[in-house]
Amino acid sequence: MYSFMHKDQKGQSLVEIIVALAIFSLVALATSVLFLDSLTSLRVGNELSEATALAYEGVDAARSIRDNSWLDLSTGIHGLADGSGFWEFSGSSDVVGDYTRTVTVADVSRDGSFDIAGSGTDDPRTKLVTVVVSWNSRGSTRSTTVR
């Protein structure tokens, strides 16, 4: 019987299998990396969404405190508590799950045109509320700020 294979072609199918396995391995690795990166991005996005919601809740709580009594909106760094059925300042920060929230209330100054400015005349009828929410994620501290 006559063989159509030459001597040089005998190992060719083994090389083709090795190359095919290498290409498949690279494609599988790239797909796995993309999948894991998308899961990480989803988790970080969820953390940021929750932190932002807590920050806006802090601003709303400060409004509620203001509406209850302007004098309760004291200048300084505060935490929040709602144990008595309404919002009140408590301590220098509060912890909600993995998140730490700090509410800073600052006096506001106005210039000669009555615009808010870095310096000028203090406006006793205006306060600046800044809420910072921080949390640990993947070995680093992250934060979001709402004014």
N, C-alpha and C. Protein backbone atom coordinates (compact mmCIF):
# COMPACT_ATOMS: atom_id res chain seq x y z
N MET A 1 0.84 -1.17 0.00
CA MET A 1 0.00 0.00 0.00
C MET A 1 0.88 1.22 0.00
N TYR A 2 0.38 2.21 -0.72
CA TYR A 2 1.14 3.43 -0.88
C TYR A 2 0.66 4.48 0.11
N SER A 3 1.56 5.14 0.85
CA SER A 3 1.21 6.18 1.82
C SER A 3 1.39 7.54 1.19
N PHE A 4 0.39 8.41 1.44
CA PHE A 4 0.47 9.77 0.90
C PHE A 4 1.23 10.71 1.82
N MET A 5 1.61 10.30 2.99
CA MET A 5 2.34 11.14 3.93
C MET A 5 3.83 11.02 3.66
N HIS A 6 4.43 12.15 3.69
CA HIS A 6 5.89 12.17 3.59
C HIS A 6 6.46 12.03 4.98
N LYS A 7 7.72 11.78 5.07
CA LYS A 7 8.37 11.67 6.37
C LYS A 7 8.21 12.93 7.20
N ASP A 8 8.25 14.12 6.62
CA ASP A 8 8.18 15.39 7.35
C ASP A 8 6.79 15.66 7.91
N GLN A 9 5.76 15.02 7.43
CA GLN A 9 4.40 15.30 7.84
C GLN A 9 3.93 14.45 9.02
N LYS A 10 4.69 13.49 9.46
CA LYS A 10 4.25 12.58 10.51
C LYS A 10 3.99 13.30 11.85
N GLY A 11 4.80 14.26 12.25
CA GLY A 11 4.61 14.99 13.52
C GLY A 11 3.75 16.23 13.38
N GLN A 12 3.29 16.51 12.18
CA GLN A 12 2.54 17.74 11.93
C GLN A 12 1.21 17.75 12.69
N SER A 13 0.49 16.66 12.80
CA SER A 13 -0.79 16.66 13.51
C SER A 13 -0.60 16.91 14.99
N LEU A 14 0.50 16.45 15.59
CA LEU A 14 0.79 16.73 17.00
C LEU A 14 1.04 18.22 17.21
N VAL A 15 1.75 18.87 16.33
CA VAL A 15 2.00 20.31 16.41
C VAL A 15 0.69 21.09 16.27
N GLU A 16 -0.16 20.65 15.37
CA GLU A 16 -1.45 21.31 15.19
C GLU A 16 -2.30 21.22 16.46
N ILE A 17 -2.27 20.07 17.13
CA ILE A 17 -3.03 19.90 18.37
C ILE A 17 -2.48 20.82 19.45
N ILE A 18 -1.18 20.92 19.57
CA ILE A 18 -0.56 21.78 20.58
C ILE A 18 -0.90 23.24 20.32
N VAL A 19 -0.84 23.68 19.07
CA VAL A 19 -1.18 25.07 18.72
C VAL A 19 -2.66 25.33 19.01
N ALA A 20 -3.53 24.39 18.69
CA ALA A 20 -4.96 24.56 18.94
C ALA A 20 -5.23 24.66 20.45
N LEU A 21 -4.57 23.83 21.24
CA LEU A 21 -4.73 23.90 22.70
C LEU A 21 -4.22 25.22 23.26
N ALA A 22 -3.13 25.73 22.73
CA ALA A 22 -2.59 27.02 23.18
C ALA A 22 -3.56 28.15 22.86
N ILE A 23 -4.13 28.15 21.68
CA ILE A 23 -5.10 29.19 21.28
C ILE A 23 -6.34 29.09 22.16
N PHE A 24 -6.84 27.88 22.38
CA PHE A 24 -8.01 27.70 23.25
C PHE A 24 -7.71 28.18 24.66
N SER A 25 -6.55 27.88 25.18
CA SER A 25 -6.17 28.31 26.54
C SER A 25 -6.14 29.83 26.64
N LEU A 26 -5.59 30.50 25.63
CA LEU A 26 -5.54 31.96 25.64
C LEU A 26 -6.94 32.57 25.60
N VAL A 27 -7.80 32.03 24.78
CA VAL A 27 -9.17 32.53 24.69
C VAL A 27 -9.91 32.30 26.01
N ALA A 28 -9.74 31.12 26.62
CA ALA A 28 -10.39 30.82 27.90
C ALA A 28 -9.87 31.74 29.00
N LEU A 29 -8.57 32.01 29.02
CA LEU A 29 -7.99 32.90 30.02
C LEU A 29 -8.51 34.33 29.85
N ALA A 30 -8.56 34.82 28.62
CA ALA A 30 -9.06 36.17 28.37
C ALA A 30 -10.53 36.30 28.77
N THR A 31 -11.32 35.30 28.47
CA THR A 31 -12.73 35.31 28.85
C THR A 31 -12.89 35.32 30.37
N SER A 32 -12.09 34.53 31.06
CA SER A 32 -12.15 34.48 32.53
C SER A 32 -11.77 35.83 33.14
N VAL A 33 -10.73 36.45 32.63
CA VAL A 33 -10.30 37.75 33.14
C VAL A 33 -11.39 38.80 32.93
N LEU A 34 -11.99 38.82 31.76
CA LEU A 34 -13.08 39.77 31.49
C LEU A 34 -14.27 39.53 32.43
N PHE A 35 -14.61 38.28 32.66
CA PHE A 35 -15.72 37.95 33.55
C PHE A 35 -15.43 38.40 34.98
N LEU A 36 -14.23 38.12 35.48
CA LEU A 36 -13.87 38.52 36.84
C LEU A 36 -13.81 40.05 36.98
N ASP A 37 -13.29 40.74 35.97
CA ASP A 37 -13.25 42.21 36.00
C ASP A 37 -14.66 42.79 36.02
N SER A 38 -15.57 42.19 35.27
CA SER A 38 -16.93 42.72 35.26
C SER A 38 -17.61 42.50 36.61
N LEU A 39 -17.33 41.37 37.27
CA LEU A 39 -17.89 41.14 38.61
C LEU A 39 -17.33 42.15 39.62
N THR A 40 -16.04 42.44 39.52
CA THR A 40 -15.42 43.43 40.41
C THR A 40 -16.00 44.81 40.17
N SER A 41 -16.17 45.19 38.92
CA SER A 41 -16.75 46.49 38.59
C SER A 41 -18.18 46.59 39.10
N LEU A 42 -18.92 45.52 38.99
CA LEU A 42 -20.30 45.51 39.47
C LEU A 42 -20.33 45.71 40.99
N ARG A 43 -19.44 45.04 41.71
CA ARG A 43 -19.39 45.17 43.16
C ARG A 43 -19.00 46.59 43.57
N VAL A 44 -17.99 47.15 42.92
CA VAL A 44 -17.56 48.52 43.24
C VAL A 44 -18.68 49.51 42.92
N GLY A 45 -19.38 49.30 41.83
CA GLY A 45 -20.51 50.17 41.47
C GLY A 45 -21.63 50.09 42.49
N ASN A 46 -21.91 48.89 42.98
CA ASN A 46 -22.95 48.73 44.01
C ASN A 46 -22.53 49.42 45.31
N GLU A 47 -21.26 49.30 45.67
CA GLU A 47 -20.77 49.97 46.88
C GLU A 47 -20.92 51.49 46.76
N LEU A 48 -20.54 52.03 45.59
CA LEU A 48 -20.64 53.47 45.38
C LEU A 48 -22.10 53.92 45.41
N SER A 49 -22.99 53.15 44.84
CA SER A 49 -24.42 53.50 44.86
C SER A 49 -24.96 53.54 46.28
N GLU A 50 -24.59 52.55 47.08
CA GLU A 50 -25.06 52.51 48.46
C GLU A 50 -24.47 53.68 49.27
N ALA A 51 -23.19 53.97 49.06
CA ALA A 51 -22.55 55.09 49.76
C ALA A 51 -23.18 56.42 49.37
N THR A 52 -23.49 56.60 48.10
CA THR A 52 -24.12 57.84 47.64
C THR A 52 -25.51 57.98 48.23
N ALA A 53 -26.26 56.89 48.32
CA ALA A 53 -27.59 56.94 48.93
C ALA A 53 -27.49 57.34 50.40
N LEU A 54 -26.49 56.81 51.10
CA LEU A 54 -26.29 57.18 52.51
C LEU A 54 -25.90 58.65 52.65
N ALA A 55 -25.12 59.16 51.70
CA ALA A 55 -24.73 60.57 51.74
C ALA A 55 -25.94 61.47 51.53
N TYR A 56 -26.78 61.15 50.55
CA TYR A 56 -27.99 61.95 50.33
C TYR A 56 -28.95 61.84 51.52
N GLU A 57 -29.00 60.66 52.14
CA GLU A 57 -29.81 60.52 53.34
C GLU A 57 -29.28 61.45 54.44
N GLY A 58 -27.97 61.62 54.52
CA GLY A 58 -27.37 62.54 55.50
C GLY A 58 -27.78 63.98 55.25
N VAL A 59 -27.81 64.38 53.97
CA VAL A 59 -28.26 65.74 53.63
C VAL A 59 -29.72 65.91 54.00
N ASP A 60 -30.54 64.92 53.68
CA ASP A 60 -31.96 64.99 54.04
C ASP A 60 -32.15 65.03 55.55
N ALA A 61 -31.33 64.28 56.28
CA ALA A 61 -31.41 64.30 57.74
C ALA A 61 -31.07 65.69 58.28
N ALA A 62 -30.06 66.32 57.71
CA ALA A 62 -29.70 67.68 58.14
C ALA A 62 -30.84 68.65 57.87
N ARG A 63 -31.52 68.49 56.74
CA ARG A 63 -32.70 69.33 56.46
C ARG A 63 -33.79 69.09 57.49
N SER A 64 -33.98 67.85 57.84
CA SER A 64 -34.98 67.51 58.84
C SER A 64 -34.64 68.13 60.20
N ILE A 65 -33.37 68.07 60.56
CA ILE A 65 -32.93 68.70 61.82
C ILE A 65 -33.17 70.20 61.76
N ARG A 66 -32.84 70.80 60.62
CA ARG A 66 -33.07 72.24 60.44
C ARG A 66 -34.55 72.58 60.56
N ASP A 67 -35.39 71.77 59.93
CA ASP A 67 -36.82 72.04 59.96
C ASP A 67 -37.40 71.88 61.37
N ASN A 68 -36.83 70.98 62.14
CA ASN A 68 -37.29 70.78 63.51
C ASN A 68 -36.90 71.97 64.38
N SER A 69 -35.65 72.40 64.29
CA SER A 69 -35.18 73.55 65.05
C SER A 69 -33.86 74.03 64.46
N TRP A 70 -33.86 75.27 63.97
CA TRP A 70 -32.66 75.84 63.37
C TRP A 70 -31.48 75.78 64.34
N LEU A 71 -31.73 75.96 65.61
CA LEU A 71 -30.66 75.97 66.60
C LEU A 71 -30.00 74.59 66.75
N ASP A 72 -30.70 73.52 66.38
CA ASP A 72 -30.11 72.18 66.44
C ASP A 72 -29.10 71.93 65.33
N LEU A 73 -29.11 72.79 64.30
CA LEU A 73 -28.17 72.65 63.18
C LEU A 73 -26.86 73.33 63.58
N SER A 74 -26.17 72.74 64.53
CA SER A 74 -24.97 73.37 65.09
C SER A 74 -23.74 73.12 64.22
N THR A 75 -22.90 74.12 64.15
CA THR A 75 -21.66 74.04 63.38
C THR A 75 -20.75 72.98 64.00
N GLY A 76 -20.16 72.13 63.16
CA GLY A 76 -19.23 71.12 63.63
C GLY A 76 -19.34 69.84 62.83
N ILE A 77 -18.66 68.80 63.33
CA ILE A 77 -18.64 67.49 62.68
C ILE A 77 -19.52 66.55 63.49
N HIS A 78 -20.46 65.90 62.80
CA HIS A 78 -21.48 65.11 63.50
C HIS A 78 -21.68 63.75 62.85
N GLY A 79 -22.27 62.86 63.64
CA GLY A 79 -22.87 61.64 63.14
C GLY A 79 -24.37 61.80 63.23
N LEU A 80 -25.11 60.80 62.79
CA LEU A 80 -26.57 60.89 62.80
C LEU A 80 -27.17 59.73 63.58
N ALA A 81 -28.31 59.99 64.20
CA ALA A 81 -29.08 58.94 64.86
C ALA A 81 -30.56 59.26 64.66
N ASP A 82 -31.37 58.22 64.55
CA ASP A 82 -32.82 58.42 64.42
C ASP A 82 -33.58 57.57 65.43
N GLY A 83 -32.97 57.31 66.57
CA GLY A 83 -33.55 56.43 67.58
C GLY A 83 -34.84 56.93 68.20
N SER A 84 -35.05 58.24 68.23
CA SER A 84 -36.24 58.77 68.88
C SER A 84 -37.34 59.12 67.87
N GLY A 85 -37.24 58.58 66.67
CA GLY A 85 -38.29 58.81 65.68
C GLY A 85 -38.03 60.00 64.77
N PHE A 86 -36.98 60.76 65.03
CA PHE A 86 -36.59 61.85 64.14
C PHE A 86 -35.07 61.96 64.17
N TRP A 87 -34.53 62.58 63.14
CA TRP A 87 -33.07 62.68 63.02
C TRP A 87 -32.51 63.66 64.04
N GLU A 88 -31.33 63.29 64.57
CA GLU A 88 -30.60 64.18 65.45
C GLU A 88 -29.11 63.90 65.29
N PHE A 89 -28.28 64.88 65.63
CA PHE A 89 -26.84 64.69 65.58
C PHE A 89 -26.40 63.85 66.77
N SER A 90 -25.42 62.96 66.53
CA SER A 90 -24.94 62.09 67.59
C SER A 90 -23.48 61.75 67.31
N GLY A 91 -22.59 62.12 68.20
CA GLY A 91 -21.17 61.80 68.03
C GLY A 91 -20.53 62.55 66.87
N SER A 92 -19.38 62.04 66.43
CA SER A 92 -18.67 62.71 65.33
C SER A 92 -18.82 61.97 64.01
N SER A 93 -19.44 60.79 64.03
CA SER A 93 -19.75 60.04 62.81
C SER A 93 -20.71 58.93 63.19
N ASP A 94 -21.31 58.31 62.19
CA ASP A 94 -22.15 57.14 62.45
C ASP A 94 -21.76 56.05 61.46
N VAL A 95 -22.00 54.81 61.84
CA VAL A 95 -21.64 53.66 61.02
C VAL A 95 -22.92 52.95 60.60
N VAL A 96 -23.04 52.74 59.29
CA VAL A 96 -24.17 52.01 58.73
C VAL A 96 -23.58 50.85 57.93
N GLY A 97 -23.65 49.66 58.47
CA GLY A 97 -23.03 48.51 57.80
C GLY A 97 -21.53 48.69 57.72
N ASP A 98 -21.00 48.66 56.50
CA ASP A 98 -19.56 48.83 56.28
C ASP A 98 -19.18 50.28 56.01
N TYR A 99 -20.13 51.19 56.12
CA TYR A 99 -19.93 52.59 55.74
C TYR A 99 -19.88 53.50 56.97
N THR A 100 -18.98 54.48 56.94
CA THR A 100 -18.90 55.49 57.99
C THR A 100 -19.32 56.82 57.39
N ARG A 101 -20.28 57.47 58.03
CA ARG A 101 -20.83 58.73 57.52
C ARG A 101 -20.48 59.86 58.48
N THR A 102 -20.00 60.97 57.92
CA THR A 102 -19.68 62.17 58.70
C THR A 102 -20.42 63.35 58.09
N VAL A 103 -21.14 64.08 58.94
CA VAL A 103 -21.89 65.26 58.50
C VAL A 103 -21.19 66.49 59.08
N THR A 104 -20.72 67.36 58.20
CA THR A 104 -20.06 68.60 58.63
C THR A 104 -20.97 69.77 58.34
N VAL A 105 -21.24 70.57 59.38
CA VAL A 105 -22.06 71.77 59.24
C VAL A 105 -21.12 72.96 59.45
N ALA A 106 -21.09 73.85 58.46
CA ALA A 106 -20.18 75.00 58.52
C ALA A 106 -20.95 76.30 58.32
N ASP A 107 -20.42 77.38 58.94
CA ASP A 107 -20.99 78.70 58.73
C ASP A 107 -20.67 79.17 57.31
N VAL A 108 -21.48 80.09 56.81
CA VAL A 108 -21.30 80.63 55.47
C VAL A 108 -21.06 82.13 55.56
N SER A 109 -20.12 82.60 54.74
CA SER A 109 -19.86 84.04 54.67
C SER A 109 -20.36 84.57 53.34
N ARG A 110 -20.71 85.86 53.33
CA ARG A 110 -21.18 86.51 52.10
C ARG A 110 -20.35 87.76 51.86
N ASP A 111 -20.14 88.07 50.59
CA ASP A 111 -19.38 89.27 50.24
C ASP A 111 -20.32 90.48 50.16
N GLY A 112 -19.81 91.61 49.68
CA GLY A 112 -20.59 92.84 49.59
C GLY A 112 -21.79 92.74 48.67
N SER A 113 -21.75 91.81 47.69
CA SER A 113 -22.89 91.61 46.78
C SER A 113 -23.86 90.57 47.30
N PHE A 114 -23.65 90.12 48.53
CA PHE A 114 -24.45 89.12 49.21
C PHE A 114 -24.34 87.73 48.55
N ASP A 115 -23.22 87.53 47.82
CA ASP A 115 -22.94 86.21 47.25
C ASP A 115 -22.12 85.41 48.26
N ILE A 116 -22.31 84.10 48.25
CA ILE A 116 -21.52 83.24 49.14
C ILE A 116 -20.06 83.34 48.73
N ALA A 117 -19.20 83.56 49.73
CA ALA A 117 -17.78 83.76 49.47
C ALA A 117 -16.95 83.07 50.54
N GLY A 118 -15.67 82.94 50.29
CA GLY A 118 -14.77 82.34 51.25
C GLY A 118 -14.54 83.20 52.47
N SER A 119 -14.70 84.50 52.31
CA SER A 119 -14.57 85.41 53.45
C SER A 119 -15.56 86.55 53.26
N GLY A 120 -15.80 87.25 54.34
CA GLY A 120 -16.76 88.35 54.30
C GLY A 120 -17.57 88.35 55.58
N THR A 121 -18.83 88.71 55.46
CA THR A 121 -19.71 88.78 56.61
C THR A 121 -20.39 87.44 56.82
N ASP A 122 -20.35 86.93 58.06
CA ASP A 122 -21.04 85.68 58.37
C ASP A 122 -22.54 85.85 58.17
N ASP A 123 -23.16 84.86 57.55
CA ASP A 123 -24.60 84.86 57.35
C ASP A 123 -25.21 83.88 58.37
N PRO A 124 -25.84 84.38 59.42
CA PRO A 124 -26.36 83.49 60.45
C PRO A 124 -27.58 82.69 60.00
N ARG A 125 -28.11 82.99 58.80
CA ARG A 125 -29.29 82.27 58.30
C ARG A 125 -28.94 81.20 57.28
N THR A 126 -27.64 80.97 57.07
CA THR A 126 -27.22 79.99 56.06
C THR A 126 -26.13 79.10 56.65
N LYS A 127 -26.23 77.80 56.36
CA LYS A 127 -25.21 76.82 56.76
C LYS A 127 -24.86 75.97 55.54
N LEU A 128 -23.62 75.52 55.50
CA LEU A 128 -23.18 74.60 54.46
C LEU A 128 -23.07 73.22 55.08
N VAL A 129 -23.80 72.25 54.51
CA VAL A 129 -23.77 70.87 55.01
C VAL A 129 -23.03 70.02 53.99
N THR A 130 -22.00 69.31 54.46
CA THR A 130 -21.22 68.39 53.62
C THR A 130 -21.25 67.02 54.28
N VAL A 131 -21.63 66.02 53.50
CA VAL A 131 -21.69 64.65 54.02
C VAL A 131 -20.65 63.81 53.28
N VAL A 132 -19.79 63.15 54.05
CA VAL A 132 -18.78 62.26 53.49
C VAL A 132 -19.07 60.85 53.99
N VAL A 133 -19.16 59.91 53.06
CA VAL A 133 -19.33 58.50 53.40
C VAL A 133 -18.08 57.77 52.92
N SER A 134 -17.44 57.02 53.82
CA SER A 134 -16.24 56.27 53.45
C SER A 134 -16.42 54.80 53.80
N TRP A 135 -15.67 53.95 53.09
CA TRP A 135 -15.72 52.52 53.30
C TRP A 135 -14.44 51.89 52.78
N ASN A 136 -14.15 50.68 53.23
CA ASN A 136 -12.98 49.93 52.75
C ASN A 136 -13.42 48.99 51.65
N SER A 137 -12.67 49.01 50.55
CA SER A 137 -12.98 48.16 49.42
C SER A 137 -11.69 47.67 48.78
N ARG A 138 -11.53 46.38 48.73
CA ARG A 138 -10.37 45.76 48.09
C ARG A 138 -9.05 46.32 48.62
N GLY A 139 -8.97 46.51 49.93
CA GLY A 139 -7.72 46.92 50.55
C GLY A 139 -7.45 48.41 50.54
N SER A 140 -8.38 49.21 50.06
CA SER A 140 -8.18 50.66 50.09
C SER A 140 -9.45 51.35 50.60
N THR A 141 -9.28 52.56 51.11
CA THR A 141 -10.41 53.33 51.61
C THR A 141 -10.96 54.19 50.48
N ARG A 142 -12.24 54.09 50.27
CA ARG A 142 -12.93 54.88 49.23
C ARG A 142 -13.91 55.81 49.94
N SER A 143 -14.29 56.88 49.25
CA SER A 143 -15.27 57.80 49.86
C SER A 143 -16.04 58.53 48.75
N THR A 144 -17.18 59.05 49.16
CA THR A 144 -17.98 59.90 48.28
C THR A 144 -18.49 61.07 49.12
N THR A 145 -18.65 62.22 48.48
CA THR A 145 -19.02 63.45 49.17
C THR A 145 -20.22 64.09 48.50
N VAL A 146 -21.16 64.56 49.31
CA VAL A 146 -22.35 65.26 48.82
C VAL A 146 -22.50 66.54 49.63
N ARG A 147 -22.82 67.64 48.97
CA ARG A 147 -23.06 68.93 49.64
C ARG A 147 -24.48 69.35 49.42
